[in-house]
Amino acid sequence: MSDTAHRPVLVVDFGAQYAQLIARRVREAGVYSEIVPHTITAAEVAEKSPAGIVLSGGPSSVYEPGSPALDPGILQLGVPVMGICYGFQVMAQQLGGEVAHTGRREYGATTMTVHGDGGALLAGQPESQTTWMSHGDSVARAPEGFTVLASTADTPVAAFASDEQKMYGVQWHPEVKHSEFGQRVLENFLHTAAGIPADWNSGNVIAEQVERIRAQVGSARVICGLSGGVDSAVAAALVHEAVGDQLVCVFVDHGLLRADERRQVEEDYVAATGIRLVTVDAREQFMTALAGVTDPESKRKIIGREFIRTFEQAAADLVAEAQDAGGAIEFLVQGTLYPDIVESGGGSGTATIKSHHNVGGLPDDLQFALVEPLRTLFKDEVRAIGRELGLPEPIVARQPFPGPGLGIRIIGEVTFERLELLREADAIVRAELTAAGLDAEIWQCPVVLLADVRSVGVQGDGRTYGHPIVLRPVSSEDAMTADWTRLPYDVLARISNRITNEVAGVNRVVLDVTSKPPGTIEWE
């Protein structure tokens, strides 16, 4: 059973990125979801006592040798099931229907026609609507006892249902925004067909996690490394809500932060939460270690190493302080999110520190047990919980930011002067995007200083030889893939004018219009 008291909807993962997106959409419908591998057995499913099951899409054909299979016993458990794309075909095949390799493929936007009243799954929807397809095989014949609910020009069985067996399926992808009524389809399955209430929200997540943390920690003391980002900030706030002054947070200022971040943590965050915060000013230490280094991987390793050393020393000091006071620090808070768990193939967690996804790895011999209050949550859910806990909006709404900070957004050697220049430019970009109301439209916007590149410019009455600044606005749902964000020209013009006028040493602003793949989001 999961950390939550709610019976989960299990999303069976048949590959690609579909399962994570489906799980997110189920949660958006107010229902708790968990992702499980397609290798899960019927006994393991029964043990989780799910309220429903969704079979995800996948890149395979049901006819391919070695294609992902499903334990047939899962469909005999009496749990409501909905199949999507590949999952739809697996259902059809196992229940006695026919899946055919017709040679007629459907990819992208496809017009779908609803039959009759659409049944529980498609009720209240227009007869003709746009769906998003991605398949070569098709269900040619529905299983016995199933009603065909929809079709397309090339797919006679685009959706089917058996209310008696509580089995449902669609050939298209309702989880993607391109399917006009996709979320309605999922909600109809969850609430109408499966009868699951929409009662999973940030409020009861907080209550459940507080109870769990208190049970885990007891009267022991807890330490947390705050990065200034949303994950660690919300994780610490949740733990503080549960155990109060048993928690102490360490904030390492490595000099690679963006403008105003240290103040936001030391003043705004502490004022909102009442958390005890220990700040370690390690700017000189990091700059000395980075002197003369230009290789990106070397910079990452140095920053990770110095962070570990700094955190270890702070932790040792706090452990000694706790022992002097007759207590002991036994737990470490980590802001692990659900995608981290899923992508690492994880499940149960461990008592040792896993590689820190931001700064390159905390040491394996840190003898703390982990407290991971966000391990069942996606990023948007973490933000909602942060707001519920009253955290400052600049922290809750903060875009993803790499642990090595501005150190990997300077192409070339990292110096105090270059950091200040990049901080100024970055602050202008963030201010203008916020003023234009674009924060919600972009995943993040790295601002990069090409420190080892100079170009000729004209400012005032003379020639200049300054650095270019690169803008890298991207849109994404999970950072696995991304596309560059089409910012309005007038916003780009304001950003360019302000940077070249206000930031000394910059005479050119350029826009990165590369998707991921082939490019990464960060330059280094």
Protein backbone atom coordinates (compact mmCIF):
# COMPACT_ATOMS: atom_id res chain seq x y z
CA MET A 1 0.00 0.00 0.00
CA SER A 2 1.21 3.54 -0.67
CA ASP A 3 2.02 6.29 1.79
CA THR A 4 -1.46 7.69 1.28
CA ALA A 5 -4.59 6.39 2.97
CA HIS A 6 -6.47 6.59 -0.35
CA ARG A 7 -6.89 3.43 -2.44
CA PRO A 8 -4.76 4.10 -5.51
CA VAL A 9 -5.53 3.91 -9.19
CA LEU A 10 -2.69 1.84 -10.63
CA VAL A 11 -1.24 3.01 -13.95
CA VAL A 12 0.40 0.02 -15.61
CA ASP A 13 3.47 1.18 -17.53
CA PHE A 14 3.92 -0.33 -20.99
CA GLY A 15 6.76 2.01 -21.96
CA ALA A 16 7.57 5.47 -23.37
CA GLN A 17 6.51 8.48 -21.27
CA TYR A 18 2.78 7.78 -21.32
CA ALA A 19 2.46 6.32 -17.82
CA GLN A 20 3.76 9.41 -16.00
CA LEU A 21 1.47 11.70 -17.94
CA ILE A 22 -1.56 9.47 -17.30
CA ALA A 23 -0.73 9.37 -13.59
CA ARG A 24 -0.61 13.17 -13.53
CA ARG A 25 -3.98 13.45 -15.28
CA VAL A 26 -5.58 10.99 -12.84
CA ARG A 27 -4.36 13.10 -9.95
CA GLU A 28 -5.66 16.24 -11.64
CA ALA A 29 -9.05 14.52 -11.45
CA GLY A 30 -8.68 14.38 -7.65
CA VAL A 31 -7.72 10.69 -7.49
CA TYR A 32 -4.45 9.29 -6.12
CA SER A 33 -2.43 7.26 -8.66
CA GLU A 34 0.65 5.06 -8.64
CA ILE A 35 2.73 3.81 -11.56
CA VAL A 36 3.52 0.08 -11.62
CA PRO A 37 5.50 -1.98 -14.18
CA HIS A 38 3.68 -4.19 -16.67
CA THR A 39 5.45 -7.16 -15.04
CA ILE A 40 3.35 -6.76 -11.89
CA THR A 41 1.40 -9.91 -10.98
CA ALA A 42 -2.30 -10.19 -10.21
CA ALA A 43 -1.40 -11.09 -6.61
CA GLU A 44 0.73 -7.95 -6.28
CA VAL A 45 -2.08 -5.84 -7.71
CA ALA A 46 -4.60 -7.36 -5.31
CA GLU A 47 -2.25 -6.60 -2.41
CA LYS A 48 -2.41 -2.90 -3.27
CA SER A 49 -6.23 -2.99 -3.18
CA PRO A 50 -6.61 -0.53 -6.10
CA ALA A 51 -9.77 1.46 -6.76
CA GLY A 52 -9.08 1.20 -10.49
CA ILE A 53 -6.47 0.26 -13.08
CA VAL A 54 -5.34 2.13 -16.22
CA LEU A 55 -3.28 0.30 -18.84
CA SER A 56 -0.96 2.81 -20.52
CA GLY A 57 0.07 3.19 -24.11
CA GLY A 58 3.45 2.04 -25.34
CA PRO A 59 5.67 1.94 -28.43
CA SER A 60 5.34 -1.81 -29.11
CA SER A 61 3.00 -3.94 -31.19
CA VAL A 62 1.08 -6.70 -29.42
CA TYR A 63 2.35 -9.02 -32.17
CA GLU A 64 6.05 -8.31 -31.66
CA PRO A 65 8.05 -11.12 -30.04
CA GLY A 66 8.86 -10.09 -26.49
CA SER A 67 6.37 -7.20 -26.46
CA PRO A 68 5.19 -6.13 -22.98
CA ALA A 69 2.54 -8.49 -21.62
CA LEU A 70 0.04 -8.33 -18.77
CA ASP A 71 -0.74 -11.00 -16.21
CA PRO A 72 -4.20 -12.19 -17.44
CA GLY A 73 -5.28 -12.58 -13.82
CA ILE A 74 -5.29 -8.80 -13.41
CA LEU A 75 -8.38 -8.54 -15.62
CA GLN A 76 -10.13 -11.15 -13.47
CA LEU A 77 -9.82 -9.26 -10.16
CA GLY A 78 -13.13 -7.40 -10.53
CA VAL A 79 -11.33 -4.01 -10.41
CA PRO A 80 -12.50 -1.38 -12.96
CA VAL A 81 -9.99 -1.23 -15.82
CA MET A 82 -9.41 1.25 -18.63
CA GLY A 83 -7.00 0.52 -21.50
CA ILE A 84 -5.34 3.27 -23.54
CA CYS A 85 -3.77 2.67 -27.00
CA TYR A 86 -1.41 -0.30 -26.50
CA GLY A 87 -3.17 -1.08 -23.20
CA PHE A 88 -6.50 -1.03 -25.09
CA GLN A 89 -5.16 -3.61 -27.55
CA VAL A 90 -3.74 -5.83 -24.78
CA MET A 91 -7.17 -5.78 -23.12
CA ALA A 92 -8.96 -6.62 -26.36
CA GLN A 93 -6.61 -9.50 -27.13
CA GLN A 94 -6.76 -11.04 -23.64
CA LEU A 95 -10.56 -10.77 -23.43
CA GLY A 96 -11.12 -12.58 -26.74
CA GLY A 97 -11.31 -9.69 -29.17
CA GLU A 98 -9.21 -9.33 -32.31
CA VAL A 99 -6.26 -6.99 -32.87
CA ALA A 100 -5.23 -6.66 -36.52
CA HIS A 101 -2.13 -5.30 -38.17
CA THR A 102 -4.09 -3.50 -40.91
CA GLY A 103 -1.28 -1.42 -42.37
CA ARG A 104 -3.47 1.67 -41.91
CA ARG A 105 -1.69 3.87 -39.39
CA GLU A 106 -3.06 6.85 -37.51
CA TYR A 107 -0.67 9.40 -36.03
CA GLY A 108 -1.49 12.81 -34.62
CA ALA A 109 -4.81 14.66 -34.76
CA THR A 110 -7.61 12.32 -35.88
CA THR A 111 -11.35 12.89 -36.10
CA MET A 112 -13.31 10.40 -33.96
CA THR A 113 -17.06 9.70 -34.13
CA VAL A 114 -19.03 8.77 -30.99
CA HIS A 115 -21.68 6.06 -31.38
CA GLY A 116 -25.07 6.56 -29.74
CA ASP A 117 -24.91 8.23 -26.33
CA GLY A 118 -21.25 7.23 -25.87
CA GLY A 119 -21.93 5.16 -22.78
CA ALA A 120 -20.44 6.05 -19.41
CA LEU A 121 -17.04 6.75 -20.95
CA LEU A 122 -18.02 9.27 -23.64
CA ALA A 123 -21.28 10.63 -22.18
CA GLY A 124 -22.01 14.29 -22.76
CA GLN A 125 -19.44 14.70 -25.51
CA PRO A 126 -19.97 15.86 -29.11
CA GLU A 127 -20.49 13.21 -31.75
CA SER A 128 -17.43 14.37 -33.70
CA GLN A 129 -14.22 15.40 -31.91
CA THR A 130 -10.46 15.58 -32.38
CA THR A 131 -8.35 12.91 -30.70
CA TRP A 132 -4.61 12.22 -30.69
CA MET A 133 -3.70 8.85 -32.18
CA SER A 134 -0.41 6.97 -32.37
CA HIS A 135 -0.85 3.39 -33.56
CA GLY A 136 -0.31 0.94 -36.39
CA ASP A 137 -2.34 -2.00 -35.09
CA SER A 138 -6.09 -1.67 -34.52
CA VAL A 139 -8.81 -3.50 -32.63
CA ALA A 140 -10.77 -5.15 -35.46
CA ARG A 141 -13.35 -6.86 -33.25
CA ALA A 142 -14.39 -6.04 -29.69
CA PRO A 143 -14.51 -8.85 -27.10
CA GLU A 144 -17.84 -10.61 -26.64
CA GLY A 145 -20.26 -8.63 -24.47
CA PHE A 146 -18.53 -5.29 -25.20
CA THR A 147 -20.23 -2.31 -26.84
CA VAL A 148 -18.33 -0.30 -29.48
CA LEU A 149 -18.49 3.35 -28.40
CA ALA A 150 -16.55 5.14 -31.15
CA SER A 151 -14.75 4.78 -34.46
CA THR A 152 -12.59 6.69 -36.91
CA ALA A 153 -12.27 6.45 -40.69
CA ASP A 154 -9.54 3.79 -40.34
CA THR A 155 -10.36 2.29 -36.93
CA PRO A 156 -13.77 0.62 -36.62
CA VAL A 157 -13.30 -0.04 -32.90
CA ALA A 158 -11.80 3.14 -31.43
CA ALA A 159 -13.43 2.67 -28.00
CA PHE A 160 -15.36 -0.06 -26.25
CA ALA A 161 -17.01 -0.78 -22.90
CA SER A 162 -18.56 -3.46 -20.76
CA ASP A 163 -20.40 -1.86 -17.86
CA GLU A 164 -21.14 -5.30 -16.46
CA GLN A 165 -17.43 -6.20 -16.23
CA LYS A 166 -16.39 -2.58 -15.59
CA MET A 167 -13.94 -2.79 -18.51
CA TYR A 168 -13.33 0.17 -20.79
CA GLY A 169 -10.82 1.20 -23.45
CA VAL A 170 -9.91 3.82 -26.05
CA GLN A 171 -7.48 3.68 -28.96
CA TRP A 172 -6.46 7.34 -28.67
CA HIS A 173 -4.43 9.13 -26.00
CA PRO A 174 -6.82 11.02 -23.68
CA GLU A 175 -3.91 12.08 -21.44
CA VAL A 176 -2.46 14.50 -24.02
CA LYS A 177 -3.84 18.01 -24.40
CA HIS A 178 -4.34 17.52 -28.15
CA SER A 179 -7.29 15.20 -27.44
CA GLU A 180 -10.12 17.73 -27.07
CA PHE A 181 -12.12 15.85 -24.42
CA GLY A 182 -9.33 13.65 -23.11
CA GLN A 183 -9.53 14.72 -19.48
CA ARG A 184 -13.32 14.28 -19.57
CA VAL A 185 -12.82 10.69 -20.76
CA LEU A 186 -10.49 9.93 -17.86
CA GLU A 187 -12.82 11.62 -15.37
CA ASN A 188 -15.81 9.68 -16.72
CA PHE A 189 -13.92 6.43 -16.18
CA LEU A 190 -12.73 7.38 -12.69
CA HIS A 191 -15.85 9.01 -11.27
CA THR A 192 -18.77 7.56 -13.27
CA ALA A 193 -17.67 4.10 -14.40
CA ALA A 194 -15.41 3.21 -11.44
CA GLY A 195 -17.26 5.32 -8.85
CA ILE A 196 -14.08 6.82 -7.35
CA PRO A 197 -14.65 10.15 -5.52
CA ALA A 198 -12.53 13.22 -6.38
CA ASP A 199 -11.27 13.68 -2.83
CA TRP A 200 -7.46 13.59 -3.14
CA ASN A 201 -6.05 17.11 -2.71
CA SER A 202 -3.17 19.05 -1.20
CA GLY A 203 -4.99 19.48 2.11
CA ASN A 204 -5.35 15.79 2.86
CA VAL A 205 -1.88 15.06 1.47
CA ILE A 206 -0.46 17.40 4.11
CA ALA A 207 -2.47 15.75 6.88
CA GLU A 208 -1.41 12.26 5.79
CA GLN A 209 2.27 13.18 5.43
CA VAL A 210 2.39 14.97 8.79
CA GLU A 211 1.00 11.84 10.45
CA ARG A 212 3.50 9.62 8.63
CA ILE A 213 6.49 11.86 9.45
CA ARG A 214 5.59 11.96 13.15
CA ALA A 215 5.33 8.18 13.22
CA GLN A 216 8.71 7.80 11.47
CA VAL A 217 10.71 10.45 13.36
CA GLY A 218 9.26 10.22 16.85
CA SER A 219 11.28 12.42 19.19
CA ALA A 220 14.52 12.31 17.16
CA ARG A 221 16.09 15.35 15.51
CA VAL A 222 16.16 16.00 11.78
CA ILE A 223 18.49 17.90 9.42
CA CYS A 224 17.69 19.25 5.94
CA GLY A 225 19.87 20.83 3.28
CA LEU A 226 17.95 23.76 1.78
CA SER A 227 18.89 24.68 -1.77
CA GLY A 228 16.48 27.59 -2.21
CA GLY A 229 14.47 25.54 -4.69
CA VAL A 230 10.85 24.48 -4.31
CA ASP A 231 11.47 20.77 -3.58
CA SER A 232 13.69 21.14 -0.52
CA ALA A 233 11.70 24.17 0.69
CA VAL A 234 8.38 22.28 0.67
CA ALA A 235 9.92 19.08 2.06
CA ALA A 236 11.39 21.02 4.99
CA ALA A 237 8.13 22.90 5.59
CA LEU A 238 6.18 19.62 5.71
CA VAL A 239 8.63 18.11 8.18
CA HIS A 240 8.54 21.27 10.30
CA GLU A 241 4.74 21.12 10.29
CA ALA A 242 5.07 17.61 11.73
CA VAL A 243 7.94 17.89 14.24
CA GLY A 244 8.58 21.62 14.72
CA ASP A 245 11.87 22.52 16.39
CA GLN A 246 13.24 18.99 16.02
CA LEU A 247 14.21 20.14 12.51
CA VAL A 248 17.20 22.33 11.63
CA CYS A 249 17.97 23.40 8.04
CA VAL A 250 21.38 24.10 6.49
CA PHE A 251 21.65 26.57 3.62
CA VAL A 252 24.98 26.63 1.74
CA ASP A 253 25.70 29.89 -0.09
CA HIS A 254 28.23 28.78 -2.68
CA GLY A 255 28.16 32.12 -4.49
CA LEU A 256 26.45 30.57 -7.53
CA LEU A 257 22.92 31.65 -6.60
CA ARG A 258 20.69 34.01 -8.54
CA ALA A 259 19.96 37.55 -7.35
CA ASP A 260 18.03 37.76 -4.05
CA GLU A 261 17.88 34.00 -3.44
CA ARG A 262 19.84 34.02 -0.18
CA ARG A 263 17.68 36.82 1.25
CA GLN A 264 14.49 35.02 0.21
CA VAL A 265 15.56 31.91 2.11
CA GLU A 266 17.02 33.66 5.18
CA GLU A 267 14.25 36.20 5.59
CA ASP A 268 11.04 35.36 3.69
CA TYR A 269 11.13 31.58 4.06
CA VAL A 270 12.17 31.62 7.72
CA ALA A 271 9.52 34.24 8.50
CA ALA A 272 6.82 32.13 6.83
CA THR A 273 7.79 28.83 8.48
CA GLY A 274 9.62 29.61 11.72
CA ILE A 275 12.26 27.04 10.78
CA ARG A 276 15.68 27.22 12.42
CA LEU A 277 18.19 27.97 9.65
CA VAL A 278 21.97 27.74 9.68
CA THR A 279 23.61 29.55 6.74
CA VAL A 280 27.12 28.60 5.66
CA ASP A 281 28.88 31.30 3.64
CA ALA A 282 31.20 29.28 1.42
CA ARG A 283 31.58 31.70 -1.49
CA GLU A 284 35.35 32.13 -1.19
CA GLN A 285 35.83 28.38 -0.83
CA PHE A 286 33.93 27.64 -4.04
CA MET A 287 35.54 30.42 -6.05
CA THR A 288 39.02 29.29 -5.02
CA ALA A 289 38.22 25.71 -6.04
CA LEU A 290 36.81 26.84 -9.41
CA ALA A 291 39.66 29.20 -10.31
CA GLY A 292 41.01 28.50 -13.80
CA VAL A 293 38.52 25.68 -14.51
CA THR A 294 36.62 25.82 -17.81
CA ASP A 295 35.60 22.21 -18.51
CA PRO A 296 31.87 21.76 -17.75
CA GLU A 297 32.14 18.30 -16.20
CA SER A 298 35.07 19.39 -14.05
CA LYS A 299 33.06 22.35 -12.80
CA ARG A 300 30.14 20.10 -11.86
CA LYS A 301 32.40 17.69 -9.99
CA ILE A 302 34.17 20.48 -8.10
CA ILE A 303 30.90 22.13 -7.10
CA GLY A 304 29.48 18.77 -6.00
CA ARG A 305 32.63 17.94 -4.02
CA GLU A 306 32.76 21.30 -2.27
CA PHE A 307 29.05 21.10 -1.44
CA ILE A 308 29.56 17.68 0.14
CA ARG A 309 32.48 18.96 2.22
CA THR A 310 30.54 22.00 3.37
CA PHE A 311 27.39 20.07 4.21
CA GLU A 312 29.38 17.35 6.03
CA GLN A 313 31.06 19.93 8.24
CA ALA A 314 27.78 21.70 9.00
CA ALA A 315 26.12 18.38 9.78
CA ALA A 316 29.00 17.33 12.04
CA ASP A 317 28.77 20.61 13.95
CA LEU A 318 25.02 20.21 14.41
CA VAL A 319 25.37 16.55 15.46
CA ALA A 320 27.92 17.59 18.10
CA GLU A 321 25.62 20.38 19.27
CA ALA A 322 22.70 17.94 19.57
CA GLN A 323 24.80 15.44 21.52
CA ASP A 324 25.90 18.17 23.94
CA ALA A 325 22.21 18.91 24.48
CA GLY A 326 21.48 15.25 25.15
CA GLY A 327 19.86 14.44 21.80
CA ALA A 328 20.83 13.00 18.42
CA ILE A 329 20.21 13.84 14.76
CA GLU A 330 18.96 10.63 13.19
CA PHE A 331 17.15 11.74 10.02
CA LEU A 332 17.94 13.64 6.83
CA VAL A 333 15.16 15.30 4.79
CA GLN A 334 15.45 14.89 1.03
CA GLY A 335 13.15 16.49 -1.55
CA THR A 336 12.84 13.38 -3.74
CA LEU A 337 9.85 13.57 -6.11
CA TYR A 338 7.79 10.78 -7.64
CA PRO A 339 9.43 11.04 -11.10
CA ASP A 340 12.83 10.49 -9.41
CA ILE A 341 11.49 7.26 -7.89
CA VAL A 342 9.84 6.05 -11.10
CA GLU A 343 12.79 6.82 -13.38
CA SER A 344 15.25 5.06 -11.07
CA GLY A 345 13.00 2.00 -10.98
CA GLY A 346 12.64 2.57 -7.27
CA GLY A 347 10.02 1.45 -4.88
CA SER A 348 10.80 0.98 -1.24
CA GLY A 349 13.58 3.49 -0.64
CA THR A 350 16.79 2.89 1.31
CA ALA A 351 18.45 4.01 4.48
CA THR A 352 21.54 5.31 2.70
CA ILE A 353 21.77 8.57 0.80
CA LYS A 354 21.14 8.21 -2.92
CA SER A 355 22.93 10.38 -5.44
CA HIS A 356 21.68 13.93 -5.02
CA HIS A 357 20.08 14.89 -8.33
CA ASN A 358 21.12 18.53 -7.96
CA VAL A 359 24.68 18.68 -6.72
CA GLY A 360 26.31 15.42 -7.66
CA GLY A 361 25.88 13.13 -4.68
CA LEU A 362 25.93 13.31 -0.91
CA PRO A 363 28.39 10.84 0.67
CA ASP A 364 27.24 7.24 1.15
CA ASP A 365 28.51 7.14 4.73
CA LEU A 366 26.26 9.91 6.08
CA GLN A 367 24.56 7.89 8.79
CA PHE A 368 21.05 9.31 8.62
CA ALA A 369 17.79 7.62 7.74
CA LEU A 370 15.88 9.38 4.97
CA VAL A 371 12.68 11.36 5.36
CA GLU A 372 11.19 11.87 1.89
CA PRO A 373 7.75 13.48 2.30
CA LEU A 374 7.41 14.32 -1.41
CA ARG A 375 8.31 10.91 -2.85
CA THR A 376 4.73 10.25 -4.05
CA LEU A 377 4.25 13.70 -5.63
CA PHE A 378 4.77 15.46 -8.96
CA LYS A 379 6.23 18.97 -9.18
CA ASP A 380 2.89 20.75 -9.67
CA GLU A 381 1.51 18.97 -6.60
CA VAL A 382 4.55 20.04 -4.58
CA ARG A 383 3.88 23.65 -5.54
CA ALA A 384 0.23 23.32 -4.46
CA ILE A 385 1.29 21.95 -1.08
CA GLY A 386 3.82 24.77 -0.67
CA ARG A 387 1.07 27.33 -1.23
CA GLU A 388 -1.21 25.49 1.21
CA LEU A 389 1.58 25.71 3.81
CA GLY A 390 1.91 29.47 3.23
CA LEU A 391 5.37 29.51 1.67
CA PRO A 392 6.49 32.67 -0.19
CA GLU A 393 5.35 32.67 -3.82
CA PRO A 394 8.85 33.47 -5.23
CA ILE A 395 10.05 30.17 -3.73
CA VAL A 396 6.94 28.08 -4.51
CA ALA A 397 6.80 29.29 -8.13
CA ARG A 398 10.55 29.04 -8.72
CA GLN A 399 11.52 27.41 -11.98
CA PRO A 400 13.80 24.35 -11.91
CA PHE A 401 17.37 25.48 -11.23
CA PRO A 402 20.48 23.27 -11.38
CA GLY A 403 22.30 22.51 -8.13
CA PRO A 404 25.62 23.79 -9.56
CA GLY A 405 23.75 27.06 -10.10
CA LEU A 406 25.14 29.81 -12.28
CA GLY A 407 28.45 27.96 -12.36
CA ILE A 408 27.22 25.90 -15.32
CA ARG A 409 25.56 28.87 -17.01
CA ILE A 410 28.90 30.58 -17.51
CA ILE A 411 30.67 29.11 -20.53
CA GLY A 412 34.25 29.48 -19.40
CA GLU A 413 35.94 30.18 -16.09
CA VAL A 414 33.72 31.17 -13.17
CA THR A 415 34.76 34.42 -11.48
CA PHE A 416 33.10 36.84 -9.07
CA GLU A 417 32.85 39.47 -11.83
CA ARG A 418 31.27 37.11 -14.35
CA LEU A 419 28.79 35.85 -11.75
CA GLU A 420 27.67 39.40 -10.97
CA LEU A 421 27.23 40.15 -14.68
CA LEU A 422 25.16 36.98 -15.21
CA ARG A 423 23.12 37.62 -12.04
CA GLU A 424 22.13 41.06 -13.35
CA ALA A 425 21.10 39.71 -16.75
CA ASP A 426 19.20 36.78 -15.20
CA ALA A 427 17.30 39.10 -12.84
CA ILE A 428 16.20 41.27 -15.79
CA VAL A 429 14.95 38.23 -17.73
CA ARG A 430 12.99 36.87 -14.77
CA ALA A 431 11.47 40.28 -14.02
CA GLU A 432 10.34 40.82 -17.61
CA LEU A 433 8.87 37.33 -18.00
CA THR A 434 6.94 37.79 -14.76
CA ALA A 435 5.72 41.26 -15.79
CA ALA A 436 4.49 39.82 -19.10
CA GLY A 437 2.59 37.04 -17.29
CA LEU A 438 4.63 34.31 -18.98
CA ASP A 439 5.91 32.39 -15.96
CA ALA A 440 3.23 29.70 -16.27
CA GLU A 441 3.96 29.16 -19.97
CA ILE A 442 7.61 28.24 -19.66
CA TRP A 443 9.27 25.37 -17.79
CA GLN A 444 12.40 27.42 -17.22
CA CYS A 445 14.55 30.02 -18.93
CA PRO A 446 18.26 29.50 -18.42
CA VAL A 447 20.26 32.67 -19.07
CA VAL A 448 23.76 31.82 -20.29
CA LEU A 449 26.90 33.97 -20.37
CA LEU A 450 29.32 33.15 -23.16
CA ALA A 451 32.30 34.32 -21.12
CA ASP A 452 34.90 33.03 -23.57
CA VAL A 453 33.22 34.71 -26.56
CA ARG A 454 33.29 38.41 -27.42
CA SER A 455 31.64 40.27 -30.26
CA VAL A 456 31.95 43.77 -31.68
CA GLY A 457 29.16 46.21 -30.88
CA VAL A 458 28.33 49.91 -30.98
CA GLN A 459 27.20 51.65 -27.81
CA GLY A 460 27.12 55.43 -27.54
CA ASP A 461 29.66 56.85 -29.96
CA GLY A 462 32.17 54.03 -29.74
CA ARG A 463 32.81 50.44 -30.55
CA THR A 464 32.52 47.81 -27.85
CA TYR A 465 33.90 44.33 -27.48
CA GLY A 466 31.47 42.62 -25.14
CA HIS A 467 30.01 39.26 -24.18
CA PRO A 468 26.85 37.70 -25.64
CA ILE A 469 24.01 36.58 -23.37
CA VAL A 470 21.92 33.60 -24.50
CA LEU A 471 18.23 33.22 -23.62
CA ARG A 472 17.01 29.62 -23.44
CA PRO A 473 13.24 29.64 -22.74
CA VAL A 474 11.80 26.11 -22.89
CA SER A 475 8.42 24.46 -22.40
CA SER A 476 8.20 20.97 -20.96
CA GLU A 477 6.15 18.76 -18.65
CA ASP A 478 8.93 16.58 -17.27
CA ALA A 479 12.26 17.88 -18.68
CA MET A 480 12.76 14.56 -20.52
CA THR A 481 11.84 16.38 -23.73
CA ALA A 482 11.38 20.12 -24.30
CA ASP A 483 10.68 22.67 -27.00
CA TRP A 484 11.78 26.28 -27.11
CA THR A 485 9.06 28.70 -26.01
CA ARG A 486 7.80 31.17 -28.62
CA LEU A 487 8.06 34.34 -26.54
CA PRO A 488 6.37 37.49 -27.93
CA TYR A 489 8.74 39.68 -29.91
CA ASP A 490 7.99 42.74 -27.81
CA VAL A 491 9.01 40.87 -24.64
CA LEU A 492 12.24 39.71 -26.29
CA ALA A 493 12.91 43.28 -27.43
CA ARG A 494 12.47 44.66 -23.89
CA ILE A 495 14.74 42.00 -22.45
CA SER A 496 17.43 42.69 -25.05
CA ASN A 497 17.23 46.46 -24.62
CA ARG A 498 17.41 46.30 -20.84
CA ILE A 499 20.32 43.84 -20.73
CA THR A 500 22.45 45.71 -23.28
CA ASN A 501 21.67 49.06 -21.60
CA GLU A 502 21.93 48.02 -17.96
CA VAL A 503 24.51 45.22 -17.80
CA ALA A 504 28.04 46.47 -18.35
CA GLY A 505 30.09 44.17 -20.56
CA VAL A 506 27.18 42.74 -22.57
CA ASN A 507 26.51 44.06 -26.06
CA ARG A 508 24.51 41.25 -27.65
CA VAL A 509 21.50 39.07 -26.67
CA VAL A 510 20.73 35.91 -28.65
CA LEU A 511 17.88 33.36 -28.51
CA ASP A 512 18.39 29.59 -28.43
CA VAL A 513 15.69 27.93 -30.59
CA THR A 514 16.80 24.30 -30.21
CA SER A 515 14.43 21.60 -28.96
CA LYS A 516 15.42 18.71 -26.64
CA PRO A 517 16.50 16.48 -28.25
CA PRO A 518 18.87 17.27 -29.91
CA GLY A 519 19.93 19.99 -27.45
CA THR A 520 19.84 19.76 -23.67
CA ILE A 521 18.04 22.39 -21.57
CA GLU A 522 21.23 23.59 -19.90
CA TRP A 523 24.26 24.46 -22.02
CA GLU A 524 26.72 22.66 -19.74
